[in-house]
Protein backbone atom coordinates (compact mmCIF):
# COMPACT_ATOMS: atom_id res chain seq x y z
CA MET A 1 142.48 74.00 140.56
CA THR A 2 144.43 76.69 142.49
CA ALA A 3 143.87 79.84 143.23
CA ASN A 4 145.98 81.22 140.41
CA TRP A 5 144.89 79.77 137.41
CA GLN A 6 148.07 81.26 135.68
CA GLU A 7 149.88 79.07 137.72
CA GLN A 8 147.67 76.20 137.15
CA TYR A 9 148.11 76.22 133.48
CA GLU A 10 151.80 77.60 133.04
CA SER A 11 152.67 74.51 130.76
CA LYS A 12 150.36 75.84 127.90
CA ARG A 13 151.66 79.39 128.34
CA ALA A 14 152.95 81.11 125.72
CA THR A 15 154.57 84.07 124.10
CA LEU A 16 152.86 85.75 120.84
CA GLU A 17 155.66 84.82 118.98
CA GLU A 18 155.75 81.02 120.33
CA ALA A 19 152.39 80.53 119.61
CA ILE A 20 152.29 81.79 116.01
CA GLN A 21 155.34 79.32 115.35
CA LEU A 22 153.23 76.50 116.10
CA ILE A 23 151.35 76.81 112.75
CA PRO A 24 152.43 74.92 109.79
CA LYS A 25 152.59 75.97 106.13
CA GLY A 26 149.27 75.89 104.21
CA LYS A 27 147.03 75.27 106.90
CA HIS A 28 143.40 76.55 107.30
CA ILE A 29 143.49 79.22 110.00
CA PHE A 30 140.16 80.55 111.69
CA ILE A 31 140.24 84.16 113.32
CA GLY A 32 137.60 84.92 116.10
CA SER A 33 134.42 86.81 115.19
CA GLY A 34 133.73 90.55 115.77
CA ALA A 35 134.83 91.84 119.02
CA THR A 36 136.86 88.59 119.76
CA GLU A 37 139.28 89.05 117.17
CA PRO A 38 142.66 88.27 118.84
CA VAL A 39 144.50 91.47 117.58
CA GLY A 40 147.61 90.55 119.19
CA LEU A 41 147.80 86.78 117.20
CA VAL A 42 146.87 88.42 114.23
CA GLU A 43 149.59 91.02 114.14
CA GLU A 44 152.07 88.41 115.00
CA LEU A 45 150.92 86.09 112.31
CA VAL A 46 151.91 88.78 109.75
CA ALA A 47 155.09 89.60 111.79
CA GLN A 48 156.14 85.88 110.68
CA GLU A 49 154.75 85.86 107.22
CA ALA A 50 158.14 84.57 105.89
CA ARG A 51 157.09 81.33 107.54
CA PHE A 52 154.07 81.19 105.75
CA ALA A 53 152.91 80.06 102.29
CA ASP A 54 149.51 79.64 101.08
CA ASN A 55 147.43 79.86 104.32
CA VAL A 56 144.14 80.23 103.84
CA ILE A 57 142.08 82.61 106.78
CA VAL A 58 138.86 82.39 107.23
CA HIS A 59 136.41 84.22 109.51
CA LEU A 60 133.24 86.15 109.81
CA LEU A 61 133.52 90.08 110.20
CA THR A 62 135.94 91.16 112.50
CA LEU A 63 136.37 94.75 114.03
CA GLY A 64 139.95 94.56 114.55
CA PRO A 65 142.83 94.70 111.67
CA ALA A 66 143.17 92.66 108.81
CA PRO A 67 146.92 92.94 107.78
CA TYR A 68 146.93 89.48 106.24
CA VAL A 69 144.76 90.85 102.94
CA ASP A 70 147.50 93.48 101.99
CA ALA A 71 148.84 92.99 98.37
CA LYS A 72 152.50 92.20 99.51
CA TYR A 73 151.35 89.06 101.63
CA GLN A 74 149.21 87.62 98.77
CA ASP A 75 151.65 84.42 98.27
CA ARG A 76 151.59 84.17 101.95
CA PHE A 77 148.12 84.49 103.15
CA ARG A 78 144.45 84.06 101.58
CA HIS A 79 141.74 85.29 102.97
CA ALA A 80 137.99 83.60 102.46
CA ALA A 81 135.23 85.97 104.08
CA PHE A 82 132.03 84.53 105.14
CA PHE A 83 130.75 87.73 105.57
CA ILE A 84 132.76 90.75 104.08
CA GLY A 85 133.59 93.63 106.57
CA ALA A 86 134.99 96.84 105.83
CA ASN A 87 138.75 95.88 106.67
CA VAL A 88 138.67 93.42 103.87
CA ARG A 89 136.13 94.73 101.20
CA GLU A 90 138.72 96.06 99.02
CA ALA A 91 140.85 92.86 98.79
CA VAL A 92 137.72 91.08 97.80
CA ARG A 93 136.97 93.54 95.28
CA ASP A 94 140.75 93.34 93.92
CA GLY A 95 140.73 89.36 94.05
CA ARG A 96 143.27 89.17 96.81
CA ALA A 97 140.52 87.56 98.84
CA ASP A 98 137.56 85.40 98.40
CA TYR A 99 134.02 85.72 99.34
CA VAL A 100 131.81 82.46 100.35
CA PRO A 101 128.32 82.92 99.88
CA VAL A 102 126.66 81.14 102.86
CA PHE A 103 123.68 81.05 105.37
CA LEU A 104 125.21 81.68 108.78
CA SER A 105 123.02 78.81 110.32
CA GLN A 106 125.00 76.46 108.05
CA ILE A 107 128.44 77.53 108.67
CA PRO A 108 129.01 75.58 111.89
CA ASP A 109 128.16 72.19 110.37
CA LEU A 110 130.42 72.95 106.80
CA ILE A 111 133.35 73.77 109.58
CA ARG A 112 132.48 70.52 111.53
CA SER A 113 132.30 68.47 107.93
CA ARG A 114 135.22 69.95 106.88
CA ARG A 115 133.80 71.23 103.69
CA LEU A 116 134.96 74.47 105.14
CA PRO A 117 138.16 73.22 106.78
CA VAL A 118 139.70 74.68 110.24
CA ASP A 119 142.88 73.29 111.27
CA VAL A 120 144.09 76.48 113.74
CA ALA A 121 141.67 78.51 115.65
CA LEU A 122 142.75 81.94 116.99
CA ILE A 123 140.46 83.22 119.36
CA GLN A 124 140.03 85.76 122.60
CA VAL A 125 138.15 84.60 125.69
CA ALA A 126 137.63 85.47 129.21
CA PRO A 127 139.94 84.08 131.81
CA PRO A 128 139.17 80.34 133.12
CA ASP A 129 136.57 80.29 136.20
CA PRO A 130 137.28 78.25 139.08
CA PHE A 131 135.97 75.11 137.26
CA GLY A 132 138.53 75.14 134.26
CA PHE A 133 136.05 76.62 131.96
CA VAL A 134 137.45 79.75 129.89
CA ASN A 135 134.22 81.84 128.03
CA LEU A 136 133.69 82.86 124.51
CA GLY A 137 132.46 86.34 125.75
CA VAL A 138 130.45 88.15 123.34
CA SER A 139 130.75 85.77 120.04
CA VAL A 140 129.79 82.49 120.33
CA ASP A 141 128.20 82.18 116.57
CA VAL A 142 130.51 80.08 114.50
CA VAL A 143 133.65 80.18 117.31
CA LEU A 144 132.69 77.25 118.95
CA ALA A 145 132.44 74.83 116.17
CA ALA A 146 135.89 76.22 114.95
CA ILE A 147 137.56 75.24 118.45
CA GLN A 148 135.83 71.91 118.20
CA SER A 149 137.31 71.30 114.73
CA ALA A 150 140.77 72.80 114.95
CA SER A 151 143.65 70.65 115.74
CA LEU A 152 145.43 73.48 117.37
CA VAL A 153 143.62 76.12 119.40
CA ILE A 154 145.28 79.30 120.47
CA ALA A 155 143.56 81.98 122.76
CA GLU A 156 144.15 85.36 123.94
CA ILE A 157 142.75 85.35 127.44
CA ASN A 158 141.65 89.01 128.17
CA PRO A 159 140.15 90.01 131.65
CA ASN A 160 138.21 92.80 129.88
CA MET A 161 136.20 89.93 127.71
CA PRO A 162 132.65 89.95 129.31
CA VAL A 163 131.51 86.89 130.60
CA THR A 164 128.06 85.66 128.92
CA TYR A 165 126.10 82.61 129.75
CA GLY A 166 124.82 80.22 127.49
CA SER A 167 126.86 77.86 125.38
CA GLY A 168 130.02 79.86 125.56
CA PHE A 169 132.08 77.96 128.03
CA VAL A 170 134.91 75.75 126.87
CA PRO A 171 137.16 73.53 129.02
CA MET A 172 140.64 75.02 129.60
CA ASP A 173 141.59 71.59 128.28
CA ARG A 174 140.62 72.27 125.10
CA ILE A 175 143.14 75.43 124.63
CA ASP A 176 146.83 74.39 123.02
CA LYS A 177 148.03 77.45 123.82
CA TRP A 178 147.34 80.87 125.55
CA ILE A 179 148.78 84.49 126.00
CA TYR A 180 147.47 86.50 128.59
CA ARG A 181 146.83 90.18 126.64
CA PRO A 182 144.84 92.24 128.94
CA VAL A 183 143.35 94.92 126.06
CA PRO A 184 140.24 96.92 125.58
CA ILE A 185 137.49 95.16 123.62
CA PRO A 186 136.72 96.78 120.35
CA THR A 187 133.80 99.11 120.25
CA VAL A 188 131.73 100.28 117.46
CA GLU A 189 130.36 104.12 117.57
CA ARG A 190 126.71 104.50 118.15
CA LYS A 191 125.47 107.02 115.24
CA PRO A 192 121.86 108.73 116.26
CA PRO A 193 119.30 107.89 113.41
CA ASP A 194 118.81 110.37 110.83
CA ASP A 195 115.30 111.85 109.93
CA VAL A 196 114.99 109.03 107.15
CA ALA A 197 115.97 106.36 109.58
CA THR A 198 113.78 107.67 112.32
CA GLU A 199 110.71 107.63 109.36
CA ILE A 200 111.55 103.89 108.59
CA GLY A 201 112.06 103.05 112.27
CA ARG A 202 108.23 104.17 112.92
CA ASN A 203 106.99 102.56 109.71
CA VAL A 204 108.85 98.92 110.97
CA ALA A 205 107.59 99.49 114.21
CA SER A 206 104.08 99.66 113.40
CA LEU A 207 104.04 96.12 111.89
CA VAL A 208 105.55 94.89 115.60
CA GLU A 209 102.96 93.54 117.90
CA ASP A 210 102.94 93.08 121.61
CA ARG A 211 104.36 90.19 122.50
CA ALA A 212 106.13 89.51 119.61
CA THR A 213 109.62 87.90 119.43
CA ILE A 214 111.80 90.14 117.36
CA GLN A 215 115.36 90.01 115.47
CA LEU A 216 117.41 92.84 114.97
CA GLY A 217 120.70 94.03 113.28
CA ILE A 218 122.95 96.83 114.00
CA GLY A 219 123.20 100.39 112.43
CA GLN A 220 121.08 103.68 112.25
CA ILE A 221 117.57 101.82 110.93
CA PRO A 222 117.64 99.15 113.68
CA ASP A 223 118.51 101.88 116.19
CA ALA A 224 115.36 103.86 115.19
CA VAL A 225 113.12 100.56 115.39
CA THR A 226 113.90 100.24 118.72
CA ALA A 227 113.64 103.68 119.40
CA ALA A 228 110.27 103.33 118.08
CA LEU A 229 109.20 100.21 120.03
CA ARG A 230 109.02 101.55 123.55
CA ASP A 231 105.35 101.97 123.49
CA LYS A 232 105.38 98.15 122.90
CA LYS A 233 104.69 95.59 125.85
CA ASP A 234 106.23 92.03 126.52
CA LEU A 235 108.53 91.73 123.48
CA GLY A 236 110.97 88.78 123.42
CA ILE A 237 114.54 88.72 121.63
CA TRP A 238 115.47 85.56 119.27
CA THR A 239 118.34 87.12 117.12
CA GLU A 240 121.46 86.29 115.72
CA MET A 241 123.27 89.56 117.10
CA VAL A 242 122.12 91.98 120.08
CA PRO A 243 122.12 95.76 118.95
CA ASP A 244 122.57 98.47 121.50
CA GLY A 245 119.22 99.33 120.92
CA ALA A 246 117.96 95.85 122.50
CA VAL A 247 119.45 97.06 125.47
CA ASP A 248 117.82 100.07 125.82
CA LEU A 249 114.42 98.27 125.42
CA VAL A 250 115.31 95.98 128.20
CA LYS A 251 116.39 98.71 130.38
CA ASN A 252 113.14 100.36 129.33
CA GLY A 253 111.08 97.40 130.55
CA ASN A 254 109.64 96.61 126.84
CA ILE A 255 111.79 93.21 126.82
CA THR A 256 110.47 90.62 128.78
CA GLY A 257 110.49 87.29 126.92
CA ARG A 258 107.51 86.47 128.79
CA TYR A 259 105.58 84.74 125.49
CA LYS A 260 109.04 83.25 123.97
CA THR A 261 108.33 79.86 123.22
CA ILE A 262 112.21 78.67 123.83
CA GLU A 263 114.10 80.06 126.51
CA PRO A 264 111.55 82.38 128.00
CA ARG A 265 112.27 85.41 129.81
CA LYS A 266 115.72 85.23 128.14
CA VAL A 267 117.27 87.31 125.54
CA SER A 268 118.91 84.54 122.97
CA ALA A 269 121.71 85.51 120.58
CA SER A 270 125.01 84.21 119.27
CA PHE A 271 127.02 87.54 119.16
CA THR A 272 127.07 90.84 120.18
CA PHE A 273 129.36 93.96 119.51
CA GLY A 274 128.38 97.77 120.09
CA THR A 275 129.15 100.26 122.84
CA GLN A 276 131.46 99.59 126.05
CA GLU A 277 127.88 100.00 127.80
CA THR A 278 126.30 97.01 126.20
CA TYR A 279 129.35 95.06 127.01
CA ASP A 280 129.02 95.82 130.63
CA PHE A 281 125.36 95.19 130.36
CA VAL A 282 125.50 91.57 129.21
CA ASN A 283 128.65 90.67 131.54
CA LYS A 284 127.46 87.99 133.56
CA ASN A 285 123.93 89.07 133.31
CA PRO A 286 121.80 85.65 133.33
CA LEU A 287 119.14 87.61 131.47
CA PHE A 288 121.41 87.09 128.28
CA VAL A 289 122.54 83.46 126.60
CA PHE A 290 124.53 82.77 123.83
CA HIS A 291 124.48 80.15 121.48
CA PRO A 292 125.99 79.00 118.30
CA SER A 293 124.76 80.28 114.84
CA ASP A 294 123.43 76.60 113.93
CA PHE A 295 121.19 76.57 117.01
CA ILE A 296 120.13 80.45 116.87
CA ASN A 297 119.75 80.69 112.93
CA ASN A 298 118.21 77.55 112.52
CA PRO A 299 114.88 78.15 110.50
CA ALA A 300 112.89 75.73 112.15
CA THR A 301 113.96 76.41 115.50
CA VAL A 302 113.14 80.41 114.71
CA ALA A 303 109.80 79.17 113.47
CA ARG A 304 108.76 78.23 116.82
CA GLN A 305 109.13 81.33 118.59
CA HIS A 306 105.91 83.28 119.26
CA LYS A 307 105.00 85.77 116.72
CA MET A 308 108.49 85.76 115.25
CA THR A 309 109.16 88.89 113.69
CA ALA A 310 112.49 89.17 111.43
CA ILE A 311 113.91 92.71 110.81
CA ASN A 312 116.46 92.91 108.35
CA GLY A 313 117.96 95.46 105.99
CA ALA A 314 118.79 95.53 102.18
CA LEU A 315 121.17 97.19 99.31
CA GLN A 316 118.50 96.82 96.60
CA ILE A 317 115.08 95.34 95.68
CA ASP A 318 113.71 95.04 92.28
CA LEU A 319 109.87 95.50 91.46
CA THR A 320 109.50 91.69 91.63
CA GLY A 321 110.65 91.66 95.06
CA GLN A 322 113.95 90.45 94.73
CA VAL A 323 116.27 91.42 97.13
CA CYS A 324 120.19 92.16 97.18
CA ALA A 325 121.92 92.47 100.43
CA ASP A 326 125.26 91.01 99.62
CA SER A 327 126.45 92.82 96.55
CA ILE A 328 126.49 96.41 94.55
CA GLY A 329 126.35 95.23 91.01
CA THR A 330 129.44 92.99 90.63
CA LYS A 331 130.89 94.19 93.51
CA PHE A 332 130.56 91.90 96.80
CA TYR A 333 129.75 94.08 99.79
CA SER A 334 128.67 92.11 102.59
CA GLY A 335 127.40 88.61 102.74
CA ILE A 336 124.25 86.60 103.22
CA GLY A 337 124.72 86.38 106.81
CA GLY A 338 121.63 85.32 109.08
CA GLN A 339 118.66 87.25 106.70
CA VAL A 340 117.46 84.18 104.76
CA ASP A 341 117.70 82.07 108.09
CA PHE A 342 115.26 84.61 110.04
CA VAL A 343 113.23 85.38 106.68
CA ARG A 344 112.28 81.70 105.94
CA GLY A 345 112.08 80.86 109.87
CA ALA A 346 109.64 83.96 110.47
CA SER A 347 107.34 82.96 107.38
CA MET A 348 106.93 79.25 108.81
CA CYS A 349 105.99 80.96 112.21
CA PRO A 350 102.23 81.13 112.95
CA GLY A 351 101.52 84.99 113.01
CA GLY A 352 105.37 85.55 112.03
CA LYS A 353 106.32 88.35 109.94
CA SER A 354 109.47 89.21 107.97
CA ILE A 355 110.49 92.59 107.33
CA THR A 356 112.95 94.35 104.83
CA ALA A 357 113.65 97.82 105.94
CA ILE A 358 115.83 100.04 103.14
CA ARG A 359 115.95 103.62 102.56
CA SER A 360 114.48 104.89 99.12
CA THR A 361 117.67 106.01 97.88
CA ALA A 362 121.56 106.05 97.90
CA ASN A 363 124.05 108.42 97.20
CA GLN A 364 122.47 111.48 98.79
CA GLY A 365 119.31 110.81 96.59
CA LYS A 366 121.04 110.27 93.18
CA ILE A 367 119.99 106.47 93.20
CA SER A 368 116.93 104.85 93.85
CA ARG A 369 117.48 101.53 96.01
CA ILE A 370 114.02 99.94 94.44
CA VAL A 371 114.55 99.44 91.02
CA ALA A 372 112.70 97.83 87.76
CA THR A 373 115.49 95.40 87.72
CA LEU A 374 118.58 94.63 89.85
CA GLU A 375 121.53 95.96 88.76
CA GLU A 376 123.92 93.76 86.47
CA GLY A 377 125.90 90.79 88.82
CA ALA A 378 123.85 91.81 91.93
CA GLY A 379 123.16 88.80 94.05
CA VAL A 380 119.33 87.72 95.09
CA VAL A 381 119.72 87.10 98.97
CA THR A 382 116.00 87.08 99.68
CA SER A 383 114.08 85.70 96.70
CA ARG A 384 110.76 87.12 95.76
CA GLY A 385 109.39 83.98 97.20
CA ASP A 386 110.66 84.30 100.36
CA VAL A 387 109.86 88.53 100.73
CA GLN A 388 106.92 89.53 102.86
CA TYR A 389 106.98 93.17 103.98
CA VAL A 390 109.17 95.77 102.44
CA VAL A 391 109.82 99.29 104.34
CA THR A 392 110.88 102.88 103.43
CA GLU A 393 110.52 105.80 104.69
CA TYR A 394 107.50 106.29 102.60
CA GLY A 395 105.75 103.40 103.68
CA ILE A 396 104.86 99.69 103.63
CA ALA A 397 104.60 97.24 101.10
CA ASP A 398 103.22 93.94 101.66
CA LEU A 399 104.23 91.40 98.85
CA ARG A 400 103.48 88.02 100.22
CA GLY A 401 101.50 86.20 98.28
CA LYS A 402 101.32 89.17 95.72
CA SER A 403 101.09 89.21 92.13
CA ILE A 404 103.85 90.96 90.10
CA ARG A 405 101.23 93.73 89.04
CA ASP A 406 100.46 94.32 92.92
CA ARG A 407 103.79 93.82 93.67
CA ALA A 408 105.27 96.41 91.28
CA MET A 409 102.74 98.96 92.21
CA ALA A 410 103.15 98.47 96.15
CA LEU A 411 106.94 98.95 95.84
CA ILE A 412 106.52 101.95 93.71
CA SER A 413 104.30 103.71 96.44
CA ILE A 414 107.10 103.95 98.61
CA ALA A 415 109.82 104.66 96.39
CA HIS A 416 111.27 108.11 96.54
CA PRO A 417 108.66 110.36 94.72
CA ASP A 418 111.26 111.36 92.12
CA TYR A 419 111.67 107.75 91.01
CA ARG A 420 108.24 106.87 90.74
CA PRO A 421 107.08 107.84 87.26
CA GLU A 422 110.19 105.96 85.64
CA LEU A 423 109.53 102.78 87.85
CA LEU A 424 105.77 102.77 86.74
CA ASN A 425 107.19 103.33 82.94
CA ALA A 426 109.51 100.43 83.48
CA SER A 427 106.30 98.47 84.45
CA LYS A 428 104.46 99.50 81.72
CA ASN A 429 106.94 98.37 79.35
CA ARG A 430 107.86 95.11 80.80
CA HIS A 431 103.99 94.41 81.07
CA TYR A 432 103.68 94.44 84.89
CA VAL A 433 100.97 96.48 84.81
CA PHE A 434 98.11 98.00 83.12
CA ALA A 435 98.94 100.13 79.99
CA ASP A 436 96.84 102.74 81.85
CA GLN A 437 97.89 102.50 85.26
CA ILE A 438 97.94 105.67 87.12
CA ALA A 439 101.08 106.51 89.05
CA PRO A 440 101.24 106.62 92.70
CA ARG A 441 101.28 110.41 94.27
CA ALA A 442 104.14 112.65 94.23
CA SER A 443 104.07 112.94 97.48
CA ALA A 444 103.24 111.31 100.80
CA PRO A 445 99.13 111.21 100.98
CA GLN A 446 97.23 112.28 103.79
CA THR A 447 96.48 109.08 105.81
CA TYR A 448 93.42 110.31 107.41
CA GLU A 449 93.50 107.57 109.86
CA LYS A 450 91.00 106.74 112.51
CA ARG A 451 90.18 103.58 114.49
CA VAL A 452 86.64 102.95 114.82
CA ALA A 453 85.25 100.23 117.46
CA ILE A 454 82.60 98.29 116.02
CA GLU A 455 82.61 95.83 119.00
CA PRO A 456 84.01 95.31 122.59
CA ASP A 457 87.24 93.47 121.43
CA SER A 458 86.93 94.61 117.52
CA GLU A 459 87.94 97.72 115.58
CA VAL A 460 88.73 98.79 112.17
CA LEU A 461 90.66 101.32 110.39
CA LEU A 462 89.33 104.28 108.25
CA ARG A 463 92.02 105.83 106.07
CA SER A 464 92.72 106.85 102.75
CA ILE A 465 92.57 105.02 99.83
CA ARG A 466 95.80 103.32 98.23
CA ILE A 467 96.89 103.04 94.86
CA THR A 468 97.49 99.28 96.01
CA ASP A 469 93.81 98.93 97.11
CA GLU A 470 92.46 97.86 93.62
CA GLN A 471 91.92 94.09 94.28
CA LYS A 472 90.39 94.71 97.57
CA MET A 473 88.45 96.99 95.99
CA SER A 474 87.44 94.57 93.50
CA ASP A 475 87.02 92.06 96.04
CA LEU A 476 84.65 94.48 97.99
CA PHE A 477 82.12 95.15 94.90
CA TYR A 478 81.67 91.61 94.17
CA SER A 479 80.87 90.91 97.60
CA LEU A 480 77.89 93.43 97.67
CA SER A 481 74.27 92.18 97.15
CA GLU A 482 72.66 93.56 93.89
CA SER A 483 70.11 95.47 96.20
CA THR A 484 73.20 97.36 97.96
CA VAL A 485 74.98 98.15 94.15
CA TYR A 486 71.80 99.55 92.62
CA LYS A 487 71.22 101.80 95.81
CA ARG A 488 74.81 102.82 95.86
CA TRP A 489 75.36 103.55 91.92
CA MET A 490 71.40 103.84 90.67
CA VAL A 491 72.04 101.50 88.02
CA ALA A 492 72.35 97.82 87.67
CA MET A 493 76.24 97.12 87.61
CA PRO A 494 77.11 93.53 86.84
CA ARG A 495 80.95 94.43 86.69
CA MET A 496 83.81 96.58 88.34
CA PRO A 497 86.49 96.28 85.82
CA HIS A 498 89.95 98.15 86.07
CA LYS A 499 88.66 100.99 84.23
CA LYS A 500 85.79 102.07 87.00
CA ILE A 501 87.89 101.28 89.95
CA LEU A 502 90.40 104.23 88.75
CA PRO A 503 88.29 107.06 89.72
CA TYR A 504 88.75 105.90 93.42
CA LEU A 505 92.28 105.55 93.21
CA LYS A 506 93.00 108.68 91.94
CA ALA A 507 91.65 110.43 94.90
CA GLU A 508 94.86 112.37 95.85
CA ASP A 509 94.38 115.56 96.95
CA PRO A 510 91.69 117.53 99.07
CA ARG A 511 89.11 118.09 96.43
CA ASN A 512 88.91 114.50 95.76
CA VAL A 513 88.98 112.21 98.65
CA ALA A 514 88.26 108.41 99.01
CA ILE A 515 88.29 106.99 102.40
CA VAL A 516 88.28 103.23 103.16
CA ILE A 517 87.21 100.93 106.02
CA GLU A 518 89.36 98.20 106.34
CA THR A 519 89.38 95.14 108.93
CA HIS A 520 92.57 93.35 110.38
CA PRO A 521 91.53 89.76 110.82
CA THR A 522 93.74 87.77 113.16
CA ASN A 523 96.30 85.97 111.14
CA SER A 524 94.62 86.98 108.12
CA GLU A 525 94.88 89.30 105.10
CA SER A 526 92.95 92.48 105.64
CA GLU A 527 89.84 93.61 103.97
CA LEU A 528 87.77 96.40 102.73
CA ILE A 529 84.31 96.23 104.09
CA GLY A 530 83.25 100.22 102.81
CA VAL A 531 84.40 103.13 100.98
CA GLY A 532 83.26 106.70 100.87
CA ARG A 533 84.23 109.18 98.76
CA TYR A 534 83.59 113.04 98.21
CA HIS A 535 84.33 114.86 94.67
CA VAL A 536 84.25 118.66 93.80
CA SER A 537 83.46 118.67 89.95
CA PRO A 538 85.11 121.27 87.82
CA GLY A 539 83.19 124.69 88.30
CA SER A 540 81.57 123.49 91.48
CA GLY A 541 82.14 124.61 95.24
CA SER A 542 80.61 121.87 96.70
CA ALA A 543 81.31 118.23 96.48
CA GLU A 544 79.39 114.97 95.73
CA VAL A 545 79.43 112.45 98.33
CA ALA A 546 78.77 108.43 98.31
CA LEU A 547 79.33 105.78 100.24
CA VAL A 548 78.69 101.92 100.78
CA ILE A 549 79.21 99.45 103.42
CA ARG A 550 79.13 95.76 102.74
CA ASP A 551 75.83 93.98 103.44
CA ASP A 552 77.24 91.96 106.58
CA HIS A 553 78.65 95.06 108.24
CA GLN A 554 75.65 97.19 107.62
CA GLY A 555 73.64 98.27 110.61
CA LYS A 556 76.76 98.58 112.96
CA GLY A 557 77.26 102.53 112.82
CA LEU A 558 80.04 102.26 109.94
CA GLY A 559 77.72 104.46 107.72
CA THR A 560 77.63 106.95 110.27
CA ALA A 561 81.55 107.21 111.17
CA LEU A 562 82.43 107.21 107.43
CA LEU A 563 80.36 109.92 106.75
CA GLN A 564 81.17 111.80 109.65
CA HIS A 565 85.16 111.02 109.01
CA LEU A 566 84.29 112.75 105.47
CA ILE A 567 82.71 115.91 106.86
CA ASP A 568 85.66 116.41 109.14
CA ILE A 569 88.01 115.99 106.41
CA ALA A 570 86.13 118.34 104.27
CA LYS A 571 85.83 120.85 106.61
CA GLU A 572 89.51 120.70 107.14
CA ASN A 573 90.09 121.07 103.85
CA GLY A 574 87.69 123.94 103.20
CA ILE A 575 85.13 122.03 101.31
CA PRO A 576 81.85 124.66 101.48
CA GLY A 577 79.41 121.62 101.43
CA PHE A 578 78.02 118.46 100.01
CA THR A 579 75.80 117.17 97.80
CA ALA A 580 74.34 113.66 97.53
CA GLU A 581 71.85 111.62 95.12
CA VAL A 582 69.78 109.20 97.45
CA LEU A 583 67.08 106.66 95.71
CA PRO A 584 63.64 107.06 98.11
CA SER A 585 63.94 103.07 99.00
CA ASN A 586 67.46 103.84 100.62
CA SER A 587 66.14 104.68 104.03
CA ALA A 588 69.10 103.49 105.65
CA MET A 589 71.33 106.04 103.73
CA MET A 590 68.93 109.00 104.26
CA HIS A 591 69.02 107.88 108.20
CA VAL A 592 72.95 108.19 107.97
CA PHE A 593 72.52 111.78 106.41
CA HIS A 594 70.14 113.03 108.90
CA LYS A 595 72.25 111.70 111.83
CA ALA A 596 75.18 114.27 110.53
CA ASP A 597 73.82 116.85 112.30
CA LEU A 598 73.90 118.86 109.09
CA LYS A 599 71.37 121.22 107.59
CA ILE A 600 69.93 119.03 105.02
CA GLN A 601 67.96 120.54 102.06
CA SER A 602 66.12 118.05 99.80
CA SER A 603 64.15 117.52 96.80
CA LEU A 604 62.98 115.05 95.07
CA SER A 605 63.98 115.00 91.00
CA GLU A 606 63.74 112.10 88.38
CA GLY A 607 63.46 109.35 91.34
CA SER A 608 65.77 110.59 93.49
CA TYR A 609 66.54 112.93 96.50
CA HIS A 610 68.50 115.27 95.82
CA LEU A 611 70.38 116.44 99.15
CA GLU A 612 72.50 119.61 99.82
CA MET A 613 74.14 120.10 103.17
CA PRO A 614 76.28 122.90 103.83
CA LEU A 615 79.20 122.05 106.30
CA GLN A 616 79.74 125.59 107.90
CA GLN A 617 76.29 125.10 109.79
CA ASN A 618 75.03 122.75 112.47
CA GLY A 619 70.94 121.93 112.99
CA GLN A 620 68.65 119.95 111.02
CA THR A 621 65.56 120.61 108.83
């Protein structure tokens, strides 16, 4: 190969006009994805529109113009969108273009098998290297399959296209015609996350563990997530798209890829678009490797990653957990993309997590994104059987393996407070929940969170009770011995039905607080192993306090920690004192109270000790 590659391949050189003249009528034309759209070829295609008839144009989302979807060209071109971008959305809605709902992982094989035929590929590449290979740059995704399948490949060669490592090298022999066109690569403006996105980002980040492998998208919420991950260690990335925020994490040292099982110490993706800073950072950077979508998005491959954590968005979700992500009612908006590929891959991964992040409202708060039933015509992208975590600015709902009742209450709890009453009423009308089910708090509750070590490498979480804790409260009760039950409630209680759990779940203001102790076993569902509550009766200044610890966790200091946490909360809320009723046989509970450094006045009456404990004084008697 000569030093001047343009001379070496002069026989394949063409003008835009000459190249487009090679495309026959009626053929299927593929256009390069995202920031690699060959805009010059696209514009010339439309300029020669009189030559064409019934040509089908296919592509993923593109960042450049899409003039071929204009109504005046509808007899010449018909677009079929694998993913609907802003530049073709109106045409799809008006019926001038088609939408192909398809998993991103399957598109390359569908192209190669000609179920989605490609006859002509219009692409944009980086100049050939000394070995005669051009590079697909920032979009390998489905472009490679299109090149392999097309009988005619026309490329704009652009020296501004970043060179990326991985599978994006294509021999110049595979290019039939090329045009040298040095133009800027399209960028996407990065908008700072607003307050809602920031809170969602914090909630999502709380689910991401150190050493996890993550998948992210683009937008304010993914940027907020990456901003909130700056205290995480040794994260890896296996994602269809590299967002700007991922570059921030690499520079900050959070991304090492040390624990990835496939391509460790690499950032693995199939495309990227964003700021020029991101393009410059991935250019000839051996840390980044780009591969086709049928490899990156293959659920079986995703599942092999270490603690795969998939983070995706949605447009709407119903109370049973059905996620709509590609349409608004009957109007198609975007596409399936890789969401289901990563949701299922993460679900199959040991220790994996699938997270759907969604704003609680749309249209400036006028519409709830959490709904009783999906809007008519809305498409289910992630099924209720696939969904796991749903995150809004109001919290986290874990739906995996949960009943419809549990799901409905969990989702209502993270909906915008203005819409919770109507969502609860809708759930009652559909018999999703109990007829006497109480509503979640109207505003974000005090969490009163505190972590307590119980062993050198183990800790528990003390937190406010949640409306979604009902089943776990029932499980806690039925794990208690008869002796523990009697000492706590002072009567024989063979059952703890829904109606008896409700008073705990109603603990929602400073005068009525319930705190649970929650464990988080590795790769297992969390459990409640204790609960404490104080309650101020009407007309009384002091609050009655009571607590119980599961038998197998007694004697570890948890009762002392729980009581002290309740004392601290009560003092913060201005509660003047506690009262308690304790059986004489319950010496362990008496010991807990006396360890609390309170002035205790006790009297024995009707078979139990009545304790009075002012909270504003120290010292014991």
